[in-house]
N, C-alpha and C. Protein backbone atom coordinates (compact mmCIF):
# COMPACT_ATOMS: atom_id res chain seq x y z
N UNK A 1 -95.62 19.23 27.92
CA UNK A 1 -94.28 19.20 28.48
C UNK A 1 -93.93 17.76 28.83
N UNK A 2 -92.78 17.32 28.39
CA UNK A 2 -92.31 15.98 28.69
C UNK A 2 -91.28 16.08 29.82
N UNK A 3 -91.55 15.39 30.91
CA UNK A 3 -90.65 15.43 32.06
C UNK A 3 -89.83 14.14 32.11
N UNK A 4 -88.61 14.23 32.62
CA UNK A 4 -87.74 13.08 32.78
C UNK A 4 -88.00 12.43 34.14
N UNK A 5 -89.12 11.73 34.26
CA UNK A 5 -89.48 11.08 35.51
C UNK A 5 -88.71 9.77 35.65
N UNK A 6 -88.26 9.42 36.86
CA UNK A 6 -87.66 8.10 37.06
C UNK A 6 -88.66 7.01 36.64
N UNK A 7 -88.16 5.88 36.17
CA UNK A 7 -89.04 4.89 35.56
C UNK A 7 -90.21 4.42 36.42
N UNK A 8 -90.06 4.16 37.73
CA UNK A 8 -91.24 3.72 38.48
C UNK A 8 -92.33 4.80 38.52
N UNK A 9 -91.91 6.06 38.58
CA UNK A 9 -92.87 7.16 38.62
C UNK A 9 -93.51 7.33 37.25
N UNK A 10 -92.71 7.26 36.20
CA UNK A 10 -93.25 7.36 34.84
C UNK A 10 -94.25 6.23 34.59
N UNK A 11 -93.93 5.02 35.06
CA UNK A 11 -94.84 3.88 34.90
C UNK A 11 -96.14 4.11 35.66
N UNK A 12 -96.05 4.68 36.86
CA UNK A 12 -97.24 4.98 37.65
C UNK A 12 -98.11 6.00 36.91
N UNK A 13 -97.50 7.08 36.42
CA UNK A 13 -98.25 8.13 35.72
C UNK A 13 -98.91 7.57 34.46
N UNK A 14 -98.18 6.74 33.71
CA UNK A 14 -98.75 6.14 32.50
C UNK A 14 -99.92 5.22 32.83
N UNK A 15 -99.78 4.41 33.88
CA UNK A 15 -100.88 3.52 34.29
C UNK A 15 -102.08 4.33 34.78
N UNK A 16 -101.81 5.43 35.49
CA UNK A 16 -102.89 6.29 35.95
C UNK A 16 -103.65 6.88 34.77
N UNK A 17 -102.96 7.25 33.71
CA UNK A 17 -103.62 7.83 32.54
C UNK A 17 -104.59 6.83 31.90
N UNK A 18 -104.32 5.53 32.09
CA UNK A 18 -105.20 4.48 31.57
C UNK A 18 -106.20 4.00 32.63
N UNK A 19 -106.13 4.59 33.85
CA UNK A 19 -106.91 4.12 35.00
C UNK A 19 -106.71 2.63 35.22
N UNK A 20 -105.46 2.21 35.07
CA UNK A 20 -105.04 0.81 35.19
C UNK A 20 -104.54 0.56 36.62
N UNK A 21 -105.42 0.06 37.47
CA UNK A 21 -105.08 -0.15 38.87
C UNK A 21 -103.92 -1.12 39.03
N UNK A 22 -103.94 -2.25 38.32
CA UNK A 22 -102.84 -3.22 38.43
C UNK A 22 -101.52 -2.59 38.00
N UNK A 23 -101.55 -1.80 36.94
CA UNK A 23 -100.34 -1.12 36.48
C UNK A 23 -99.80 -0.15 37.51
N UNK A 24 -100.70 0.61 38.16
CA UNK A 24 -100.25 1.53 39.21
C UNK A 24 -99.65 0.76 40.37
N UNK A 25 -100.28 -0.34 40.75
CA UNK A 25 -99.82 -1.12 41.90
C UNK A 25 -98.46 -1.75 41.66
N UNK A 26 -98.14 -2.11 40.43
CA UNK A 26 -96.85 -2.74 40.13
C UNK A 26 -95.67 -1.84 40.47
N UNK A 27 -95.91 -0.55 40.58
CA UNK A 27 -94.81 0.39 40.82
C UNK A 27 -94.44 0.52 42.29
N UNK A 28 -95.26 -0.02 43.19
CA UNK A 28 -95.04 0.13 44.63
C UNK A 28 -94.27 -1.05 45.21
N UNK A 29 -93.37 -0.75 46.15
CA UNK A 29 -92.71 -1.80 46.93
C UNK A 29 -93.75 -2.49 47.81
N UNK A 30 -93.49 -3.71 48.20
CA UNK A 30 -94.44 -4.48 49.02
C UNK A 30 -94.76 -3.76 50.32
N UNK A 31 -93.79 -3.06 50.89
CA UNK A 31 -93.99 -2.38 52.18
C UNK A 31 -94.13 -0.87 52.01
N UNK A 32 -94.59 -0.44 50.84
CA UNK A 32 -94.72 0.99 50.56
C UNK A 32 -95.72 1.67 51.49
N UNK A 33 -95.53 2.98 51.63
CA UNK A 33 -96.43 3.82 52.42
C UNK A 33 -96.90 4.96 51.51
N UNK A 34 -98.21 5.21 51.53
CA UNK A 34 -98.77 6.32 50.78
C UNK A 34 -99.48 7.23 51.77
N UNK A 35 -99.10 8.50 51.75
CA UNK A 35 -99.76 9.52 52.57
C UNK A 35 -100.62 10.35 51.64
N UNK A 36 -101.91 10.39 51.92
CA UNK A 36 -102.85 11.13 51.08
C UNK A 36 -103.47 12.23 51.92
N UNK A 37 -102.98 13.47 51.72
CA UNK A 37 -103.44 14.61 52.51
C UNK A 37 -103.44 14.30 54.01
N UNK A 38 -102.35 13.68 54.45
CA UNK A 38 -102.15 13.41 55.87
C UNK A 38 -102.64 12.05 56.35
N UNK A 39 -103.43 11.34 55.57
CA UNK A 39 -103.89 10.00 55.95
C UNK A 39 -102.88 8.98 55.46
N UNK A 40 -102.57 8.00 56.33
CA UNK A 40 -101.51 7.02 56.05
C UNK A 40 -102.10 5.68 55.59
N UNK A 41 -101.55 5.17 54.49
CA UNK A 41 -101.94 3.87 53.95
C UNK A 41 -100.66 3.05 53.80
N UNK A 42 -100.62 1.88 54.46
CA UNK A 42 -99.40 1.06 54.48
C UNK A 42 -99.63 -0.26 53.77
N UNK A 43 -98.68 -0.63 52.92
CA UNK A 43 -98.73 -1.90 52.22
C UNK A 43 -99.65 -1.86 51.00
N UNK A 44 -99.47 -2.85 50.16
CA UNK A 44 -100.19 -2.87 48.89
C UNK A 44 -101.70 -2.96 49.04
N UNK A 45 -102.19 -3.72 50.02
CA UNK A 45 -103.65 -3.87 50.16
C UNK A 45 -104.32 -2.53 50.46
N UNK A 46 -103.77 -1.79 51.42
CA UNK A 46 -104.36 -0.48 51.76
C UNK A 46 -104.21 0.51 50.62
N UNK A 47 -103.05 0.51 49.97
CA UNK A 47 -102.83 1.43 48.85
C UNK A 47 -103.77 1.09 47.70
N UNK A 48 -103.96 -0.19 47.43
CA UNK A 48 -104.85 -0.62 46.35
C UNK A 48 -106.28 -0.13 46.59
N UNK A 49 -106.76 -0.28 47.82
CA UNK A 49 -108.11 0.17 48.15
C UNK A 49 -108.24 1.67 47.94
N UNK A 50 -107.25 2.43 48.40
CA UNK A 50 -107.26 3.88 48.22
C UNK A 50 -107.28 4.24 46.74
N UNK A 51 -106.41 3.66 45.96
CA UNK A 51 -106.33 4.00 44.54
C UNK A 51 -107.61 3.60 43.80
N UNK A 52 -108.22 2.50 44.19
CA UNK A 52 -109.48 2.11 43.56
C UNK A 52 -110.54 3.18 43.82
N UNK A 53 -110.67 3.58 45.09
CA UNK A 53 -111.73 4.51 45.48
C UNK A 53 -111.47 5.95 45.03
N UNK A 54 -110.23 6.40 45.14
CA UNK A 54 -109.93 7.82 44.93
C UNK A 54 -109.36 8.14 43.54
N UNK A 55 -108.94 7.13 42.81
CA UNK A 55 -108.39 7.37 41.48
C UNK A 55 -109.27 6.71 40.42
N UNK A 56 -109.37 5.39 40.45
CA UNK A 56 -110.09 4.68 39.40
C UNK A 56 -111.58 5.02 39.42
N UNK A 57 -112.22 4.90 40.59
CA UNK A 57 -113.66 5.16 40.66
C UNK A 57 -114.02 6.59 40.30
N UNK A 58 -113.13 7.54 40.61
CA UNK A 58 -113.39 8.95 40.32
C UNK A 58 -112.79 9.40 38.98
N UNK A 59 -112.20 8.44 38.27
CA UNK A 59 -111.56 8.73 36.98
C UNK A 59 -110.58 9.90 37.09
N UNK A 60 -109.80 9.90 38.18
CA UNK A 60 -108.85 10.97 38.47
C UNK A 60 -107.54 10.71 37.73
N UNK A 61 -107.30 11.50 36.71
CA UNK A 61 -106.08 11.36 35.92
C UNK A 61 -105.17 12.55 36.19
N UNK A 62 -103.97 12.24 36.64
CA UNK A 62 -102.97 13.23 37.03
C UNK A 62 -101.99 13.44 35.88
N UNK A 63 -101.70 14.70 35.59
CA UNK A 63 -100.75 15.03 34.53
C UNK A 63 -99.66 15.93 35.11
N UNK A 64 -98.48 15.37 35.38
CA UNK A 64 -97.42 16.20 35.95
C UNK A 64 -96.90 17.22 34.95
N UNK A 65 -96.65 18.44 35.47
CA UNK A 65 -96.10 19.49 34.60
C UNK A 65 -94.89 20.18 35.21
N UNK A 66 -94.46 19.74 36.39
CA UNK A 66 -93.28 20.30 37.04
C UNK A 66 -92.57 19.19 37.81
N UNK A 67 -91.25 19.25 37.82
CA UNK A 67 -90.45 18.21 38.46
C UNK A 67 -89.22 18.85 39.09
N UNK A 68 -88.90 18.38 40.29
CA UNK A 68 -87.65 18.80 40.94
C UNK A 68 -87.23 17.70 41.91
N UNK A 69 -86.00 17.77 42.35
CA UNK A 69 -85.47 16.82 43.35
C UNK A 69 -85.08 17.60 44.60
N UNK A 70 -85.41 17.01 45.73
CA UNK A 70 -84.99 17.54 47.02
C UNK A 70 -84.26 16.41 47.73
N UNK A 71 -82.94 16.39 47.60
CA UNK A 71 -82.10 15.29 48.08
C UNK A 71 -82.58 13.99 47.44
N UNK A 72 -83.06 13.01 48.25
CA UNK A 72 -83.48 11.73 47.68
C UNK A 72 -84.98 11.67 47.40
N UNK A 73 -85.65 12.81 47.42
CA UNK A 73 -87.09 12.88 47.16
C UNK A 73 -87.34 13.47 45.78
N UNK A 74 -88.16 12.79 44.99
CA UNK A 74 -88.59 13.30 43.69
C UNK A 74 -89.92 14.01 43.91
N UNK A 75 -89.98 15.27 43.56
CA UNK A 75 -91.19 16.08 43.76
C UNK A 75 -91.72 16.45 42.39
N UNK A 76 -92.99 16.12 42.16
CA UNK A 76 -93.61 16.50 40.90
C UNK A 76 -95.02 16.98 41.16
N UNK A 77 -95.47 17.91 40.31
CA UNK A 77 -96.75 18.58 40.52
C UNK A 77 -97.52 18.64 39.23
N UNK A 78 -98.83 18.82 39.37
CA UNK A 78 -99.66 19.00 38.20
C UNK A 78 -101.13 18.84 38.56
N UNK A 79 -101.99 19.05 37.57
CA UNK A 79 -103.42 18.94 37.80
C UNK A 79 -103.93 17.51 37.67
N UNK A 80 -104.99 17.22 38.41
CA UNK A 80 -105.73 15.97 38.24
C UNK A 80 -107.14 16.35 37.83
N UNK A 81 -107.61 15.71 36.78
CA UNK A 81 -108.97 15.91 36.28
C UNK A 81 -109.76 14.64 36.53
N UNK A 82 -111.02 14.78 36.85
CA UNK A 82 -111.84 13.59 37.04
C UNK A 82 -113.25 13.93 37.46
N UNK A 83 -113.95 12.91 37.92
CA UNK A 83 -115.33 13.06 38.37
C UNK A 83 -115.38 13.32 39.88
N UNK A 84 -114.84 14.47 40.29
CA UNK A 84 -114.83 14.84 41.70
C UNK A 84 -115.00 16.35 41.81
N UNK A 85 -115.57 16.80 42.94
CA UNK A 85 -115.80 18.25 43.12
C UNK A 85 -114.49 19.03 43.03
N UNK A 86 -114.53 20.15 42.33
CA UNK A 86 -113.37 21.02 42.23
C UNK A 86 -112.43 20.67 41.09
N UNK A 87 -112.73 19.62 40.34
CA UNK A 87 -111.85 19.20 39.25
C UNK A 87 -111.70 20.33 38.23
N UNK A 88 -110.48 20.61 37.80
CA UNK A 88 -109.23 19.96 38.18
C UNK A 88 -108.66 20.55 39.48
N UNK A 89 -107.91 19.72 40.18
CA UNK A 89 -107.23 20.13 41.41
C UNK A 89 -105.73 19.89 41.19
N UNK A 90 -104.92 20.84 41.62
CA UNK A 90 -103.46 20.71 41.50
C UNK A 90 -102.92 19.93 42.70
N UNK A 91 -102.12 18.91 42.40
CA UNK A 91 -101.53 18.06 43.43
C UNK A 91 -100.02 18.13 43.39
N UNK A 92 -99.41 17.90 44.55
CA UNK A 92 -97.97 17.74 44.66
C UNK A 92 -97.70 16.33 45.18
N UNK A 93 -96.82 15.62 44.50
CA UNK A 93 -96.40 14.27 44.89
C UNK A 93 -94.95 14.36 45.34
N UNK A 94 -94.65 13.75 46.48
CA UNK A 94 -93.28 13.65 46.98
C UNK A 94 -93.00 12.15 47.11
N UNK A 95 -92.03 11.65 46.34
CA UNK A 95 -91.81 10.21 46.24
C UNK A 95 -90.36 9.87 46.57
N UNK A 96 -90.19 8.81 47.36
CA UNK A 96 -88.87 8.21 47.53
C UNK A 96 -88.92 6.82 46.89
N UNK A 97 -87.79 6.46 46.31
CA UNK A 97 -87.69 5.19 45.60
C UNK A 97 -86.78 4.22 46.34
N UNK A 98 -87.06 2.94 46.14
CA UNK A 98 -86.20 1.86 46.61
C UNK A 98 -85.89 1.03 45.38
N UNK A 99 -84.77 1.34 44.73
CA UNK A 99 -84.45 0.70 43.46
C UNK A 99 -85.47 1.10 42.41
N UNK A 100 -86.15 0.12 41.86
CA UNK A 100 -87.15 0.37 40.81
C UNK A 100 -88.57 0.33 41.35
N UNK A 101 -88.75 0.67 42.62
CA UNK A 101 -90.09 0.66 43.22
C UNK A 101 -90.31 1.93 44.03
N UNK A 102 -91.57 2.32 44.13
CA UNK A 102 -91.94 3.45 44.98
C UNK A 102 -91.99 2.98 46.42
N UNK A 103 -91.20 3.61 47.27
CA UNK A 103 -91.15 3.25 48.69
C UNK A 103 -92.15 4.11 49.48
N UNK A 104 -92.14 5.42 49.24
CA UNK A 104 -93.12 6.30 49.88
C UNK A 104 -93.65 7.28 48.84
N UNK A 105 -94.94 7.60 48.99
CA UNK A 105 -95.58 8.59 48.13
C UNK A 105 -96.43 9.45 49.05
N UNK A 106 -96.15 10.74 49.04
CA UNK A 106 -96.89 11.70 49.85
C UNK A 106 -97.60 12.65 48.88
N UNK A 107 -98.93 12.59 48.89
CA UNK A 107 -99.76 13.37 47.96
C UNK A 107 -100.51 14.44 48.71
N UNK A 108 -100.43 15.68 48.23
CA UNK A 108 -101.17 16.77 48.86
C UNK A 108 -101.72 17.70 47.78
N UNK A 109 -102.85 18.30 48.14
CA UNK A 109 -103.50 19.25 47.21
C UNK A 109 -103.13 20.66 47.62
């Protein structure tokens, strides 16, 4: 299924498929916030550390298969496969954008 994701989100998903940390990071605003199952990560340095440990190191590749909008929030869902217990796990991403950058990303399983 091909989804019409906004470009920063599509770029993030494409970089994730390559486990390209720099590519994923390019999609975030400098002051972005990422919430991962309730834990808060602020700014690029904290987000980079999280993505290195929880995405790249675990080879966690997310494939969105559902998309909807809730006002100014882009919500997309799908499975992530990788080297982690329970793989694959279905995740929901809730993203707000600031122009062509991800301002907030809230990830939950």
